Amino acid sequence: MVDQTKIEEAVRMLLEGIGEDVAREGLRETPDRIARMYGEIFAGMDEDAGEHLSKTFAVASNEIVVVKDITFYSICEHHLMPFYGKAHIAYLPDGKVVGLSKLARTVEVYARRPQIQEQMTIQIVEAIMEHLKPQGAMVMLEAEHLCMTMRGVEKPGSRTVTMASRGCFQEETKWQELFFQMIGNQKVLNQDLVN
């Protein structure tokens, strides 16, 4: 649960620290606005992916399930600046599937925390493996990081790609190849992989 009072105090101190007048009209309500915003963008701190992945449905055949282009927004824990992009998820069921929107909600649980992309990728694939118990799963995130585009090296348009695979997706390349075909990304370099 977000402590609104602490966030408001911190924002006032930050504004004073950069030389601003926190009493001026444009900034008077900023601490409150930021505190409310943080309650929203860090809502994943109080959520468990298992809540979204717990309701499953029996299936007669175990065909691959892919949900691609799930938009997400997160905050890098190193600079508290946004990174955003798309998540692509695949899993091979073992007798049960989950509602498709629940995969998008699982991405949101982990995106709405101070986070690094590499860890978020692993958290999503491990949550799917833990709660759905599929034959395998694969997750790929593609994101732009404002800490690289707005400051530091200042390279807008550069994307970071991370992947994590488990089960049959880790053991058999045919499943990885099918995943890449289905998401329309057939060229992924080995240095982009996170296993």
N, C-alpha and C. Protein backbone atom coordinates (compact mmCIF):
# COMPACT_ATOMS: atom_id res chain seq x y z
N MET A 1 0.83 -1.18 0.00
CA MET A 1 0.00 0.00 0.00
C MET A 1 0.88 1.25 0.00
N VAL A 2 0.59 2.14 -0.90
CA VAL A 2 1.36 3.38 -1.03
C VAL A 2 1.08 4.29 0.16
N ASP A 3 2.14 4.86 0.74
CA ASP A 3 2.01 5.83 1.83
C ASP A 3 2.00 7.22 1.21
N GLN A 4 0.81 7.76 0.99
CA GLN A 4 0.64 9.03 0.29
C GLN A 4 1.37 10.17 0.99
N THR A 5 1.34 10.20 2.31
CA THR A 5 1.98 11.29 3.06
C THR A 5 3.48 11.31 2.83
N LYS A 6 4.12 10.14 2.88
CA LYS A 6 5.57 10.07 2.66
C LYS A 6 5.94 10.51 1.24
N ILE A 7 5.14 10.09 0.28
CA ILE A 7 5.43 10.46 -1.11
C ILE A 7 5.30 11.98 -1.28
N GLU A 8 4.26 12.56 -0.70
CA GLU A 8 4.08 14.01 -0.82
C GLU A 8 5.26 14.76 -0.20
N GLU A 9 5.72 14.31 0.97
CA GLU A 9 6.89 14.94 1.61
C GLU A 9 8.11 14.83 0.72
N ALA A 10 8.31 13.64 0.16
CA ALA A 10 9.49 13.40 -0.68
C ALA A 10 9.45 14.27 -1.93
N VAL A 11 8.28 14.44 -2.53
CA VAL A 11 8.16 15.26 -3.74
C VAL A 11 8.45 16.73 -3.40
N ARG A 12 7.94 17.20 -2.27
CA ARG A 12 8.25 18.57 -1.85
C ARG A 12 9.77 18.76 -1.70
N MET A 13 10.42 17.79 -1.04
CA MET A 13 11.87 17.88 -0.84
C MET A 13 12.62 17.85 -2.17
N LEU A 14 12.16 17.01 -3.09
CA LEU A 14 12.78 16.92 -4.40
C LEU A 14 12.67 18.26 -5.14
N LEU A 15 11.48 18.82 -5.13
CA LEU A 15 11.28 20.11 -5.81
C LEU A 15 12.14 21.21 -5.19
N GLU A 16 12.21 21.22 -3.87
CA GLU A 16 13.08 22.18 -3.19
C GLU A 16 14.54 21.91 -3.55
N GLY A 17 14.90 20.63 -3.64
CA GLY A 17 16.27 20.25 -3.95
C GLY A 17 16.74 20.72 -5.31
N ILE A 18 15.82 20.81 -6.29
CA ILE A 18 16.21 21.31 -7.61
C ILE A 18 16.05 22.83 -7.71
N GLY A 19 15.69 23.47 -6.58
CA GLY A 19 15.61 24.93 -6.54
C GLY A 19 14.24 25.51 -6.85
N GLU A 20 13.20 24.68 -6.81
CA GLU A 20 11.85 25.16 -7.11
C GLU A 20 11.17 25.72 -5.86
N ASP A 21 10.16 26.52 -6.09
CA ASP A 21 9.32 27.07 -5.03
C ASP A 21 8.06 26.22 -4.96
N VAL A 22 7.96 25.36 -3.93
CA VAL A 22 6.82 24.43 -3.85
C VAL A 22 5.51 25.15 -3.55
N ALA A 23 5.58 26.42 -3.20
CA ALA A 23 4.36 27.17 -2.91
C ALA A 23 3.79 27.86 -4.14
N ARG A 24 4.54 27.86 -5.25
CA ARG A 24 4.01 28.56 -6.44
C ARG A 24 2.81 27.80 -7.01
N GLU A 25 1.96 28.52 -7.69
CA GLU A 25 0.67 27.98 -8.13
C GLU A 25 0.78 26.67 -8.91
N GLY A 26 1.68 26.59 -9.84
CA GLY A 26 1.79 25.41 -10.68
C GLY A 26 2.25 24.16 -9.95
N LEU A 27 2.90 24.34 -8.78
CA LEU A 27 3.45 23.19 -8.05
C LEU A 27 2.71 22.86 -6.76
N ARG A 28 1.79 23.73 -6.34
CA ARG A 28 1.13 23.54 -5.06
C ARG A 28 0.48 22.16 -4.91
N GLU A 29 -0.17 21.69 -5.94
CA GLU A 29 -0.87 20.40 -5.86
C GLU A 29 -0.07 19.24 -6.44
N THR A 30 1.15 19.51 -6.89
CA THR A 30 1.97 18.46 -7.51
C THR A 30 2.27 17.31 -6.56
N PRO A 31 2.65 17.54 -5.30
CA PRO A 31 2.91 16.41 -4.41
C PRO A 31 1.71 15.46 -4.28
N ASP A 32 0.52 16.01 -4.19
CA ASP A 32 -0.68 15.18 -4.10
C ASP A 32 -0.90 14.40 -5.40
N ARG A 33 -0.73 15.10 -6.54
CA ARG A 33 -0.91 14.44 -7.84
C ARG A 33 0.07 13.28 -8.01
N ILE A 34 1.33 13.52 -7.63
CA ILE A 34 2.36 12.48 -7.77
C ILE A 34 2.03 11.29 -6.87
N ALA A 35 1.61 11.56 -5.65
CA ALA A 35 1.28 10.47 -4.71
C ALA A 35 0.14 9.61 -5.26
N ARG A 36 -0.88 10.25 -5.81
CA ARG A 36 -1.99 9.48 -6.40
C ARG A 36 -1.53 8.70 -7.62
N MET A 37 -0.69 9.31 -8.43
CA MET A 37 -0.17 8.64 -9.62
C MET A 37 0.66 7.41 -9.22
N TYR A 38 1.51 7.55 -8.20
CA TYR A 38 2.32 6.43 -7.76
C TYR A 38 1.46 5.28 -7.25
N GLY A 39 0.33 5.61 -6.63
CA GLY A 39 -0.60 4.56 -6.20
C GLY A 39 -1.07 3.73 -7.37
N GLU A 40 -1.22 4.38 -8.53
CA GLU A 40 -1.67 3.70 -9.74
C GLU A 40 -0.53 2.94 -10.42
N ILE A 41 0.61 3.62 -10.65
CA ILE A 41 1.65 2.96 -11.44
C ILE A 41 2.44 1.92 -10.66
N PHE A 42 2.31 1.92 -9.33
CA PHE A 42 2.96 0.89 -8.53
C PHE A 42 1.95 -0.05 -7.88
N ALA A 43 0.77 -0.17 -8.48
CA ALA A 43 -0.29 -1.02 -7.93
C ALA A 43 0.11 -2.49 -7.89
N GLY A 44 1.06 -2.90 -8.69
CA GLY A 44 1.51 -4.29 -8.71
C GLY A 44 2.22 -4.72 -7.44
N MET A 45 2.64 -3.75 -6.63
CA MET A 45 3.32 -4.07 -5.38
C MET A 45 2.42 -4.90 -4.46
N ASP A 46 1.11 -4.67 -4.56
CA ASP A 46 0.16 -5.34 -3.68
C ASP A 46 -0.58 -6.49 -4.37
N GLU A 47 -0.15 -6.85 -5.58
CA GLU A 47 -0.85 -7.90 -6.33
C GLU A 47 -0.02 -9.16 -6.44
N ASP A 48 -0.72 -10.26 -6.60
CA ASP A 48 -0.09 -11.57 -6.79
C ASP A 48 -0.57 -12.11 -8.14
N ALA A 49 0.36 -12.45 -9.02
CA ALA A 49 -0.01 -12.98 -10.34
C ALA A 49 -0.87 -14.23 -10.22
N GLY A 50 -0.70 -14.98 -9.13
CA GLY A 50 -1.49 -16.19 -8.93
C GLY A 50 -2.98 -15.94 -8.90
N GLU A 51 -3.39 -14.75 -8.46
CA GLU A 51 -4.82 -14.41 -8.45
C GLU A 51 -5.39 -14.43 -9.86
N HIS A 52 -4.60 -13.97 -10.83
CA HIS A 52 -5.08 -13.90 -12.21
C HIS A 52 -4.95 -15.23 -12.94
N LEU A 53 -3.99 -16.04 -12.53
CA LEU A 53 -3.72 -17.29 -13.23
C LEU A 53 -4.39 -18.51 -12.58
N SER A 54 -5.16 -18.28 -11.53
CA SER A 54 -5.72 -19.42 -10.79
C SER A 54 -6.97 -20.02 -11.43
N LYS A 55 -7.74 -19.25 -12.18
CA LYS A 55 -8.96 -19.79 -12.80
C LYS A 55 -8.61 -20.33 -14.19
N THR A 56 -8.64 -21.65 -14.31
CA THR A 56 -8.27 -22.29 -15.56
C THR A 56 -9.44 -23.10 -16.11
N PHE A 57 -9.29 -23.51 -17.38
CA PHE A 57 -10.32 -24.27 -18.07
C PHE A 57 -9.68 -25.51 -18.68
N ALA A 58 -10.34 -26.65 -18.55
CA ALA A 58 -9.84 -27.90 -19.13
C ALA A 58 -9.92 -27.84 -20.65
N VAL A 59 -8.90 -28.41 -21.31
CA VAL A 59 -8.90 -28.49 -22.77
C VAL A 59 -8.62 -29.93 -23.19
N ALA A 60 -9.21 -30.32 -24.33
CA ALA A 60 -9.05 -31.69 -24.81
C ALA A 60 -7.72 -31.88 -25.53
N SER A 61 -7.23 -30.81 -26.18
CA SER A 61 -5.95 -30.93 -26.89
C SER A 61 -5.01 -29.84 -26.38
N ASN A 62 -3.73 -30.11 -26.47
CA ASN A 62 -2.72 -29.19 -25.94
C ASN A 62 -1.99 -28.49 -27.08
N GLU A 63 -2.65 -27.50 -27.66
CA GLU A 63 -2.06 -26.73 -28.76
C GLU A 63 -1.46 -25.44 -28.20
N ILE A 64 -0.44 -24.93 -28.88
CA ILE A 64 0.25 -23.74 -28.42
C ILE A 64 -0.70 -22.55 -28.31
N VAL A 65 -0.51 -21.75 -27.27
CA VAL A 65 -1.27 -20.52 -27.06
C VAL A 65 -0.27 -19.37 -27.08
N VAL A 66 -0.54 -18.36 -27.93
CA VAL A 66 0.34 -17.19 -28.02
C VAL A 66 -0.51 -15.94 -27.89
N VAL A 67 -0.10 -15.04 -27.01
CA VAL A 67 -0.69 -13.71 -26.94
C VAL A 67 0.46 -12.74 -27.18
N LYS A 68 0.34 -11.93 -28.23
CA LYS A 68 1.44 -11.03 -28.56
C LYS A 68 1.00 -9.58 -28.50
N ASP A 69 2.00 -8.71 -28.48
CA ASP A 69 1.78 -7.26 -28.48
C ASP A 69 0.97 -6.76 -27.29
N ILE A 70 1.27 -7.29 -26.11
CA ILE A 70 0.64 -6.79 -24.88
C ILE A 70 1.42 -5.54 -24.47
N THR A 71 0.80 -4.39 -24.55
CA THR A 71 1.47 -3.14 -24.20
C THR A 71 1.66 -3.06 -22.69
N PHE A 72 2.84 -2.63 -22.27
CA PHE A 72 3.09 -2.43 -20.84
C PHE A 72 3.91 -1.17 -20.62
N TYR A 73 3.78 -0.62 -19.42
CA TYR A 73 4.55 0.53 -18.95
C TYR A 73 5.10 0.17 -17.59
N SER A 74 6.37 0.41 -17.38
CA SER A 74 6.97 0.12 -16.08
C SER A 74 7.93 1.24 -15.70
N ILE A 75 8.48 1.14 -14.50
CA ILE A 75 9.43 2.13 -14.00
C ILE A 75 10.73 1.42 -13.64
N CYS A 76 11.81 1.87 -14.27
CA CYS A 76 13.13 1.30 -14.00
C CYS A 76 13.54 1.61 -12.56
N GLU A 77 13.94 0.57 -11.84
CA GLU A 77 14.30 0.77 -10.44
C GLU A 77 15.63 1.50 -10.26
N HIS A 78 16.43 1.62 -11.31
CA HIS A 78 17.73 2.27 -11.20
C HIS A 78 17.64 3.80 -11.24
N HIS A 79 16.73 4.33 -12.08
CA HIS A 79 16.61 5.79 -12.21
C HIS A 79 15.20 6.30 -11.95
N LEU A 80 14.27 5.40 -11.66
CA LEU A 80 12.85 5.73 -11.51
C LEU A 80 12.32 6.47 -12.74
N MET A 81 12.75 6.00 -13.90
CA MET A 81 12.26 6.54 -15.17
C MET A 81 11.51 5.42 -15.90
N PRO A 82 10.55 5.79 -16.75
CA PRO A 82 9.75 4.76 -17.42
C PRO A 82 10.51 3.95 -18.45
N PHE A 83 10.09 2.70 -18.60
CA PHE A 83 10.39 1.92 -19.80
C PHE A 83 9.07 1.30 -20.23
N TYR A 84 8.90 1.15 -21.54
CA TYR A 84 7.61 0.70 -22.05
C TYR A 84 7.80 -0.07 -23.34
N GLY A 85 6.85 -0.92 -23.63
CA GLY A 85 6.96 -1.70 -24.85
C GLY A 85 5.88 -2.74 -24.97
N LYS A 86 6.26 -3.89 -25.55
CA LYS A 86 5.33 -4.97 -25.83
C LYS A 86 5.84 -6.26 -25.22
N ALA A 87 4.90 -7.06 -24.72
CA ALA A 87 5.21 -8.40 -24.21
C ALA A 87 4.56 -9.41 -25.14
N HIS A 88 5.28 -10.50 -25.37
CA HIS A 88 4.77 -11.62 -26.17
C HIS A 88 4.90 -12.86 -25.31
N ILE A 89 3.81 -13.61 -25.18
CA ILE A 89 3.78 -14.78 -24.29
C ILE A 89 3.28 -16.00 -25.06
N ALA A 90 3.96 -17.13 -24.84
CA ALA A 90 3.48 -18.40 -25.39
C ALA A 90 3.57 -19.46 -24.32
N TYR A 91 2.62 -20.40 -24.35
CA TYR A 91 2.75 -21.57 -23.50
C TYR A 91 2.10 -22.76 -24.19
N LEU A 92 2.57 -23.93 -23.84
CA LEU A 92 2.01 -25.17 -24.35
C LEU A 92 1.27 -25.82 -23.18
N PRO A 93 -0.06 -25.81 -23.23
CA PRO A 93 -0.84 -26.32 -22.10
C PRO A 93 -0.58 -27.79 -21.81
N ASP A 94 -0.95 -28.18 -20.62
CA ASP A 94 -0.92 -29.59 -20.23
C ASP A 94 -2.28 -29.92 -19.62
N GLY A 95 -3.31 -29.78 -20.45
CA GLY A 95 -4.66 -30.12 -20.01
C GLY A 95 -5.50 -28.96 -19.53
N LYS A 96 -4.89 -27.76 -19.38
CA LYS A 96 -5.70 -26.61 -18.94
C LYS A 96 -5.12 -25.31 -19.49
N VAL A 97 -6.04 -24.36 -19.72
CA VAL A 97 -5.67 -23.04 -20.21
C VAL A 97 -6.27 -21.99 -19.29
N VAL A 98 -5.79 -20.77 -19.45
CA VAL A 98 -6.29 -19.65 -18.67
C VAL A 98 -6.91 -18.64 -19.63
N GLY A 99 -7.84 -17.82 -19.14
CA GLY A 99 -8.41 -16.77 -19.98
C GLY A 99 -7.31 -15.86 -20.52
N LEU A 100 -7.41 -15.48 -21.78
CA LEU A 100 -6.34 -14.71 -22.43
C LEU A 100 -6.06 -13.38 -21.73
N SER A 101 -7.09 -12.73 -21.23
CA SER A 101 -6.88 -11.45 -20.54
C SER A 101 -6.05 -11.62 -19.27
N LYS A 102 -6.06 -12.83 -18.72
CA LYS A 102 -5.30 -13.07 -17.49
C LYS A 102 -3.79 -13.02 -17.74
N LEU A 103 -3.38 -13.34 -18.96
CA LEU A 103 -1.96 -13.22 -19.30
C LEU A 103 -1.56 -11.74 -19.35
N ALA A 104 -2.43 -10.91 -19.92
CA ALA A 104 -2.16 -9.47 -19.94
C ALA A 104 -2.13 -8.90 -18.51
N ARG A 105 -3.03 -9.38 -17.66
CA ARG A 105 -3.05 -8.93 -16.27
C ARG A 105 -1.79 -9.37 -15.52
N THR A 106 -1.27 -10.53 -15.87
CA THR A 106 -0.03 -11.01 -15.25
C THR A 106 1.14 -10.08 -15.62
N VAL A 107 1.19 -9.66 -16.87
CA VAL A 107 2.22 -8.69 -17.29
C VAL A 107 2.09 -7.43 -16.46
N GLU A 108 0.86 -6.95 -16.27
CA GLU A 108 0.63 -5.72 -15.50
C GLU A 108 1.09 -5.84 -14.05
N VAL A 109 0.86 -7.00 -13.44
CA VAL A 109 1.28 -7.20 -12.05
C VAL A 109 2.75 -6.89 -11.89
N TYR A 110 3.58 -7.41 -12.80
CA TYR A 110 5.03 -7.22 -12.68
C TYR A 110 5.50 -5.89 -13.24
N ALA A 111 4.78 -5.35 -14.23
CA ALA A 111 5.17 -4.05 -14.79
C ALA A 111 4.90 -2.92 -13.80
N ARG A 112 3.90 -3.07 -12.97
CA ARG A 112 3.53 -1.99 -12.05
C ARG A 112 4.27 -2.11 -10.72
N ARG A 113 5.59 -2.19 -10.84
CA ARG A 113 6.51 -2.23 -9.69
C ARG A 113 7.80 -1.56 -10.13
N PRO A 114 8.59 -1.04 -9.19
CA PRO A 114 9.94 -0.63 -9.60
C PRO A 114 10.63 -1.90 -10.09
N GLN A 115 11.26 -1.86 -11.27
CA GLN A 115 11.56 -3.12 -11.94
C GLN A 115 12.73 -2.95 -12.90
N ILE A 116 13.34 -4.07 -13.28
CA ILE A 116 14.22 -4.08 -14.44
C ILE A 116 13.62 -5.08 -15.43
N GLN A 117 13.81 -4.80 -16.69
CA GLN A 117 13.18 -5.61 -17.74
C GLN A 117 13.60 -7.06 -17.67
N GLU A 118 14.89 -7.29 -17.41
CA GLU A 118 15.39 -8.66 -17.37
C GLU A 118 14.65 -9.49 -16.31
N GLN A 119 14.48 -8.91 -15.14
CA GLN A 119 13.80 -9.61 -14.04
C GLN A 119 12.31 -9.79 -14.33
N MET A 120 11.70 -8.78 -14.90
CA MET A 120 10.28 -8.84 -15.22
C MET A 120 9.99 -10.00 -16.19
N THR A 121 10.86 -10.19 -17.16
CA THR A 121 10.70 -11.27 -18.13
C THR A 121 10.68 -12.62 -17.42
N ILE A 122 11.62 -12.81 -16.52
CA ILE A 122 11.73 -14.07 -15.77
C ILE A 122 10.54 -14.25 -14.84
N GLN A 123 10.11 -13.18 -14.17
CA GLN A 123 8.97 -13.28 -13.25
C GLN A 123 7.71 -13.74 -13.98
N ILE A 124 7.48 -13.21 -15.18
CA ILE A 124 6.28 -13.58 -15.94
C ILE A 124 6.31 -15.05 -16.33
N VAL A 125 7.44 -15.51 -16.89
CA VAL A 125 7.50 -16.90 -17.34
C VAL A 125 7.41 -17.86 -16.15
N GLU A 126 8.01 -17.50 -15.03
CA GLU A 126 7.95 -18.38 -13.86
C GLU A 126 6.56 -18.41 -13.24
N ALA A 127 5.84 -17.29 -13.28
CA ALA A 127 4.46 -17.29 -12.77
C ALA A 127 3.58 -18.20 -13.62
N ILE A 128 3.77 -18.16 -14.93
CA ILE A 128 2.99 -19.02 -15.83
C ILE A 128 3.30 -20.48 -15.54
N MET A 129 4.58 -20.80 -15.38
CA MET A 129 4.97 -22.19 -15.10
C MET A 129 4.42 -22.65 -13.75
N GLU A 130 4.50 -21.80 -12.75
CA GLU A 130 4.05 -22.17 -11.41
C GLU A 130 2.55 -22.38 -11.33
N HIS A 131 1.78 -21.49 -11.92
CA HIS A 131 0.34 -21.52 -11.72
C HIS A 131 -0.43 -22.30 -12.78
N LEU A 132 0.07 -22.35 -14.02
CA LEU A 132 -0.63 -23.09 -15.07
C LEU A 132 -0.09 -24.50 -15.24
N LYS A 133 1.14 -24.72 -14.78
CA LYS A 133 1.80 -26.01 -14.93
C LYS A 133 1.75 -26.52 -16.37
N PRO A 134 2.15 -25.67 -17.34
CA PRO A 134 2.13 -26.10 -18.74
C PRO A 134 3.35 -26.97 -19.06
N GLN A 135 3.38 -27.48 -20.27
CA GLN A 135 4.56 -28.23 -20.72
C GLN A 135 5.76 -27.31 -20.92
N GLY A 136 5.48 -26.05 -21.15
CA GLY A 136 6.54 -25.07 -21.31
C GLY A 136 5.95 -23.69 -21.56
N ALA A 137 6.80 -22.68 -21.42
CA ALA A 137 6.37 -21.30 -21.65
C ALA A 137 7.54 -20.48 -22.14
N MET A 138 7.22 -19.40 -22.85
CA MET A 138 8.25 -18.48 -23.34
C MET A 138 7.69 -17.07 -23.29
N VAL A 139 8.53 -16.13 -22.86
CA VAL A 139 8.14 -14.73 -22.76
C VAL A 139 9.23 -13.88 -23.40
N MET A 140 8.80 -12.92 -24.20
CA MET A 140 9.73 -11.97 -24.82
C MET A 140 9.20 -10.58 -24.58
N LEU A 141 10.06 -9.69 -24.09
CA LEU A 141 9.71 -8.28 -23.90
C LEU A 141 10.59 -7.43 -24.80
N GLU A 142 9.98 -6.46 -25.46
CA GLU A 142 10.71 -5.47 -26.27
C GLU A 142 10.34 -4.11 -25.70
N ALA A 143 11.35 -3.33 -25.28
CA ALA A 143 11.02 -2.07 -24.62
C ALA A 143 12.02 -0.96 -24.92
N GLU A 144 11.53 0.26 -24.85
CA GLU A 144 12.38 1.45 -24.92
C GLU A 144 12.49 2.01 -23.50
N HIS A 145 13.70 2.37 -23.11
CA HIS A 145 13.99 2.84 -21.76
C HIS A 145 14.32 4.33 -21.79
N LEU A 146 13.52 5.13 -21.07
CA LEU A 146 13.79 6.56 -21.06
C LEU A 146 15.11 6.92 -20.39
N CYS A 147 15.62 6.03 -19.53
CA CYS A 147 16.92 6.31 -18.92
C CYS A 147 18.04 6.24 -19.96
N MET A 148 17.77 5.63 -21.12
CA MET A 148 18.74 5.62 -22.23
C MET A 148 18.42 6.67 -23.28
N THR A 149 17.18 7.12 -23.37
CA THR A 149 16.80 8.03 -24.44
C THR A 149 16.75 9.49 -24.00
N MET A 150 16.42 9.73 -22.74
CA MET A 150 16.27 11.10 -22.23
C MET A 150 17.52 11.62 -21.56
N ARG A 151 18.37 10.70 -21.08
CA ARG A 151 19.56 11.08 -20.33
C ARG A 151 20.69 10.14 -20.72
N GLY A 152 21.82 10.29 -20.09
CA GLY A 152 22.94 9.38 -20.34
C GLY A 152 23.35 9.35 -21.80
N VAL A 153 23.26 8.19 -22.42
CA VAL A 153 23.72 8.00 -23.80
C VAL A 153 22.80 8.67 -24.82
N GLU A 154 21.56 8.96 -24.45
CA GLU A 154 20.57 9.67 -25.28
C GLU A 154 20.44 9.06 -26.67
N LYS A 155 19.93 7.84 -26.72
CA LYS A 155 19.73 7.13 -27.98
C LYS A 155 18.27 6.74 -28.15
N PRO A 156 17.40 7.69 -28.53
CA PRO A 156 15.98 7.37 -28.71
C PRO A 156 15.78 6.35 -29.82
N GLY A 157 14.77 5.52 -29.64
CA GLY A 157 14.44 4.50 -30.63
C GLY A 157 15.13 3.16 -30.40
N SER A 158 16.15 3.14 -29.53
CA SER A 158 16.80 1.86 -29.26
C SER A 158 15.89 1.02 -28.38
N ARG A 159 15.83 -0.28 -28.68
CA ARG A 159 14.97 -1.19 -27.93
C ARG A 159 15.81 -2.27 -27.27
N THR A 160 15.36 -2.67 -26.12
CA THR A 160 15.98 -3.78 -25.41
C THR A 160 15.05 -4.97 -25.54
N VAL A 161 15.60 -6.12 -25.91
CA VAL A 161 14.81 -7.34 -26.07
C VAL A 161 15.32 -8.36 -25.05
N THR A 162 14.40 -8.89 -24.25
CA THR A 162 14.74 -9.94 -23.29
C THR A 162 13.80 -11.11 -23.49
N MET A 163 14.32 -12.29 -23.23
CA MET A 163 13.50 -13.49 -23.37
C MET A 163 13.81 -14.45 -22.24
N ALA A 164 12.81 -15.24 -21.90
CA ALA A 164 12.99 -16.31 -20.94
C ALA A 164 12.14 -17.48 -21.40
N SER A 165 12.69 -18.68 -21.31
CA SER A 165 11.94 -19.86 -21.72
C SER A 165 12.09 -20.94 -20.66
N ARG A 166 11.07 -21.77 -20.57
CA ARG A 166 11.05 -22.86 -19.61
C ARG A 166 10.41 -24.08 -20.27
N GLY A 167 10.70 -25.26 -19.72
CA GLY A 167 10.09 -26.49 -20.20
C GLY A 167 10.43 -26.77 -21.64
N CYS A 168 9.43 -27.18 -22.43
CA CYS A 168 9.67 -27.58 -23.82
C CYS A 168 10.23 -26.44 -24.67
N PHE A 169 9.94 -25.19 -24.31
CA PHE A 169 10.48 -24.06 -25.08
C PHE A 169 11.98 -23.90 -24.85
N GLN A 170 12.45 -24.37 -23.72
CA GLN A 170 13.87 -24.30 -23.42
C GLN A 170 14.59 -25.54 -23.98
N GLU A 171 13.88 -26.65 -24.00
CA GLU A 171 14.50 -27.93 -24.37
C GLU A 171 14.47 -28.23 -25.86
N GLU A 172 13.47 -27.72 -26.58
CA GLU A 172 13.32 -28.05 -28.00
C GLU A 172 13.23 -26.77 -28.84
N THR A 173 14.18 -26.59 -29.75
CA THR A 173 14.22 -25.36 -30.56
C THR A 173 13.01 -25.21 -31.46
N LYS A 174 12.32 -26.31 -31.80
CA LYS A 174 11.15 -26.19 -32.69
C LYS A 174 10.08 -25.29 -32.07
N TRP A 175 9.95 -25.33 -30.74
CA TRP A 175 8.94 -24.49 -30.08
C TRP A 175 9.36 -23.03 -30.10
N GLN A 176 10.64 -22.77 -29.92
CA GLN A 176 11.13 -21.39 -30.02
C GLN A 176 10.92 -20.85 -31.43
N GLU A 177 11.24 -21.66 -32.42
CA GLU A 177 11.08 -21.23 -33.81
C GLU A 177 9.62 -20.93 -34.13
N LEU A 178 8.71 -21.77 -33.64
CA LEU A 178 7.29 -21.54 -33.85
C LEU A 178 6.85 -20.24 -33.18
N PHE A 179 7.34 -20.01 -31.96
CA PHE A 179 7.04 -18.77 -31.24
C PHE A 179 7.47 -17.56 -32.07
N PHE A 180 8.70 -17.56 -32.58
CA PHE A 180 9.20 -16.43 -33.37
C PHE A 180 8.38 -16.23 -34.64
N GLN A 181 7.99 -17.32 -35.28
CA GLN A 181 7.16 -17.21 -36.48
C GLN A 181 5.82 -16.57 -36.13
N MET A 182 5.24 -17.00 -35.02
CA MET A 182 3.90 -16.52 -34.65
C MET A 182 3.89 -15.07 -34.23
N ILE A 183 4.98 -14.59 -33.64
CA ILE A 183 5.02 -13.18 -33.25
C ILE A 183 5.61 -12.31 -34.35
N GLY A 184 6.09 -12.95 -35.43
CA GLY A 184 6.61 -12.19 -36.56
C GLY A 184 8.01 -11.67 -36.33
N ASN A 185 8.79 -12.33 -35.48
CA ASN A 185 10.15 -11.90 -35.17
C ASN A 185 11.06 -13.11 -35.32
N GLN A 186 11.55 -13.34 -36.53
CA GLN A 186 12.32 -14.55 -36.78
C GLN A 186 13.81 -14.39 -36.54
N LYS A 187 14.27 -13.16 -36.36
CA LYS A 187 15.70 -12.96 -36.13
C LYS A 187 15.93 -12.42 -34.72
N VAL A 188 16.36 -13.26 -33.84
CA VAL A 188 16.68 -12.84 -32.49
C VAL A 188 18.10 -13.31 -32.22
N LEU A 189 18.95 -12.37 -31.81
CA LEU A 189 20.35 -12.71 -31.56
C LEU A 189 20.51 -13.39 -30.23
N ASN A 190 21.47 -14.30 -30.14
CA ASN A 190 21.72 -15.02 -28.88
C ASN A 190 22.01 -14.09 -27.72
N GLN A 191 22.68 -12.94 -27.96
CA GLN A 191 23.00 -12.05 -26.85
C GLN A 191 21.76 -11.37 -26.26
N ASP A 192 20.62 -11.47 -26.96
CA ASP A 192 19.38 -10.89 -26.42
C ASP A 192 18.66 -11.85 -25.48
N LEU A 193 19.12 -13.10 -25.40
CA LEU A 193 18.39 -14.10 -24.62
C LEU A 193 18.67 -13.99 -23.14
N VAL A 194 17.63 -14.15 -22.34
CA VAL A 194 17.76 -14.26 -20.88
C VAL A 194 17.06 -15.54 -20.50
N ASN A 195 17.80 -16.56 -20.09
CA ASN A 195 17.18 -17.85 -19.74
C ASN A 195 17.24 -18.12 -18.28
